[in-house]
Amino acid sequence: MSIITSRLKLPAVAGVLALGVGFAAPVAAHTPLAACYDMGDGTVLCEGGFSDGSSAAGVPIRVMDGSGAVLIEGKMSDNSEFEFEKPDGEFNVMFDAGEGHQIEIPGSDIVQ
C-alpha cells in the first residue's frame, strides 16, 4: 500500500467514526419523571422532568376522572410544574411527553 493510499483512508475512517458517534448521541435514553403532591389547601402540585436533566416545560398534563373524561388540561410551566384544584372523587393525572414517555398517577397516590 502506498503512503498516499493510506493517508486517504485515514480521513475516511475518521469521518465514518465521527458520523457513527453523531448518530449514537440522540439514541441516549431519557426517562420521564413526574410526581404530584397534595398541597393541603385544595390544590395539587405536579413536578416533572427527565432522567437526563431535561426540562419538562411545555409537556401536556391532563387530569381525568375515573371514567377517563378530561377534567383539566394544561402544560408544565417553565419551571416544569403544574398546579390545579384537586377534583372531588376518583381522578388520575397524565404526564404526556409522547409515546413511551407517559406517566399516569392515580389520585389515590396523591396524599398530604
Protein backbone atom coordinates (compact mmCIF):
# COMPACT_ATOMS: atom_id res chain seq x y z
CA MET A 1 0.00 0.00 0.00
CA SER A 2 1.40 3.41 -0.86
CA ILE A 3 1.68 6.27 1.59
CA ILE A 4 -0.82 8.27 -0.50
CA THR A 5 -3.45 5.48 -0.29
CA SER A 6 -3.06 5.07 3.47
CA ARG A 7 -3.32 8.84 4.01
CA LEU A 8 -6.57 8.92 2.03
CA LYS A 9 -8.10 6.09 4.03
CA LEU A 10 -7.39 7.60 7.46
CA PRO A 11 -9.63 10.68 6.97
CA ALA A 12 -12.36 8.47 5.50
CA VAL A 13 -12.27 6.14 8.52
CA ALA A 14 -12.24 9.11 10.92
CA GLY A 15 -15.25 10.59 9.11
CA VAL A 16 -17.22 7.35 9.35
CA LEU A 17 -16.40 7.03 13.07
CA ALA A 18 -17.44 10.63 13.70
CA LEU A 19 -20.68 10.05 11.82
CA GLY A 20 -21.39 6.96 13.94
CA VAL A 21 -20.80 8.88 17.15
CA GLY A 22 -23.18 11.58 15.93
CA PHE A 23 -25.93 9.01 15.44
CA ALA A 24 -25.30 7.40 18.83
CA ALA A 25 -25.87 10.58 20.85
CA PRO A 26 -29.60 11.04 20.08
CA VAL A 27 -30.25 7.39 20.96
CA ALA A 28 -29.30 8.05 24.60
CA ALA A 29 -32.44 7.42 26.64
CA HIS A 30 -34.13 9.92 28.90
CA THR A 31 -36.78 8.51 31.16
CA PRO A 32 -39.71 10.75 32.12
CA LEU A 33 -40.08 11.58 35.80
CA ALA A 34 -43.22 13.01 37.42
CA ALA A 35 -44.66 13.36 40.90
CA CYS A 36 -47.73 15.10 42.30
CA TYR A 37 -48.31 16.41 45.82
CA ASP A 38 -51.46 17.34 47.74
CA MET A 39 -50.61 20.84 48.99
CA GLY A 40 -53.19 20.67 51.82
CA ASP A 41 -55.06 23.73 50.56
CA GLY A 42 -57.28 22.03 47.98
CA THR A 43 -54.64 22.15 45.26
CA VAL A 44 -52.27 19.59 43.75
CA LEU A 45 -48.77 20.46 42.55
CA CYS A 46 -47.13 18.24 39.93
CA GLU A 47 -43.46 18.38 39.00
CA GLY A 48 -41.84 16.72 36.02
CA GLY A 49 -38.62 16.30 34.11
CA PHE A 50 -36.39 13.72 32.51
CA SER A 51 -33.64 11.49 33.85
CA ASP A 52 -31.05 13.27 31.70
CA GLY A 53 -31.86 16.57 33.44
CA SER A 54 -34.03 17.92 30.60
CA SER A 55 -36.84 20.29 31.48
CA ALA A 56 -40.47 19.24 31.15
CA ALA A 57 -41.59 22.78 30.27
CA GLY A 58 -44.49 22.61 27.84
CA VAL A 59 -45.25 18.93 28.42
CA PRO A 60 -49.04 18.40 28.33
CA ILE A 61 -50.82 17.40 31.55
CA ARG A 62 -54.33 16.00 31.77
CA VAL A 63 -56.42 15.40 34.86
CA MET A 64 -59.07 12.77 34.17
CA ASP A 65 -61.96 11.41 36.18
CA GLY A 66 -62.41 7.71 36.93
CA SER A 67 -64.02 7.06 33.53
CA GLY A 68 -61.20 8.78 31.63
CA ALA A 69 -63.05 12.02 30.84
CA VAL A 70 -60.71 15.01 30.84
CA LEU A 71 -61.44 17.40 33.71
CA ILE A 72 -58.43 19.72 33.41
CA GLU A 73 -55.84 20.20 30.65
CA GLY A 74 -52.69 22.24 30.72
CA LYS A 75 -48.94 22.25 30.21
CA MET A 76 -45.95 22.20 32.52
CA SER A 77 -44.69 25.70 33.31
CA ASP A 78 -41.19 26.96 32.55
CA ASN A 79 -40.31 25.55 36.00
CA SER A 80 -41.67 22.11 34.97
CA GLU A 81 -44.62 22.44 37.37
CA PHE A 82 -48.39 22.28 37.03
CA GLU A 83 -50.83 23.19 39.81
CA PHE A 84 -54.57 22.55 39.79
CA GLU A 85 -57.61 22.41 42.06
CA LYS A 86 -57.96 18.88 43.45
CA PRO A 87 -61.08 17.27 41.96
CA ASP A 88 -63.63 15.52 44.15
CA GLY A 89 -63.80 11.76 43.68
CA GLU A 90 -61.56 9.44 41.71
CA PHE A 91 -59.05 11.03 39.31
CA ASN A 92 -55.74 10.40 37.54
CA VAL A 93 -53.02 12.75 36.32
CA MET A 94 -51.37 12.03 32.96
CA PHE A 95 -47.90 13.46 32.23
CA ASP A 96 -47.79 13.07 28.44
CA ALA A 97 -44.39 13.68 26.85
CA GLY A 98 -45.28 11.46 23.88
CA GLU A 99 -45.38 7.77 23.08
CA GLY A 100 -43.28 5.80 25.54
CA HIS A 101 -42.92 8.89 27.74
CA GLN A 102 -46.23 8.91 29.60
CA ILE A 103 -46.74 8.63 33.33
CA GLU A 104 -50.18 8.20 34.88
CA ILE A 105 -50.50 9.00 38.57
CA PRO A 106 -53.63 7.80 40.37
CA GLY A 107 -55.26 10.44 42.54
CA SER A 108 -55.30 7.93 45.40
CA ASP A 109 -51.47 8.15 45.42
CA ILE A 110 -51.54 11.94 45.82
CA VAL A 111 -51.73 12.48 49.57
CA GLN A 112 -50.54 15.02 52.10
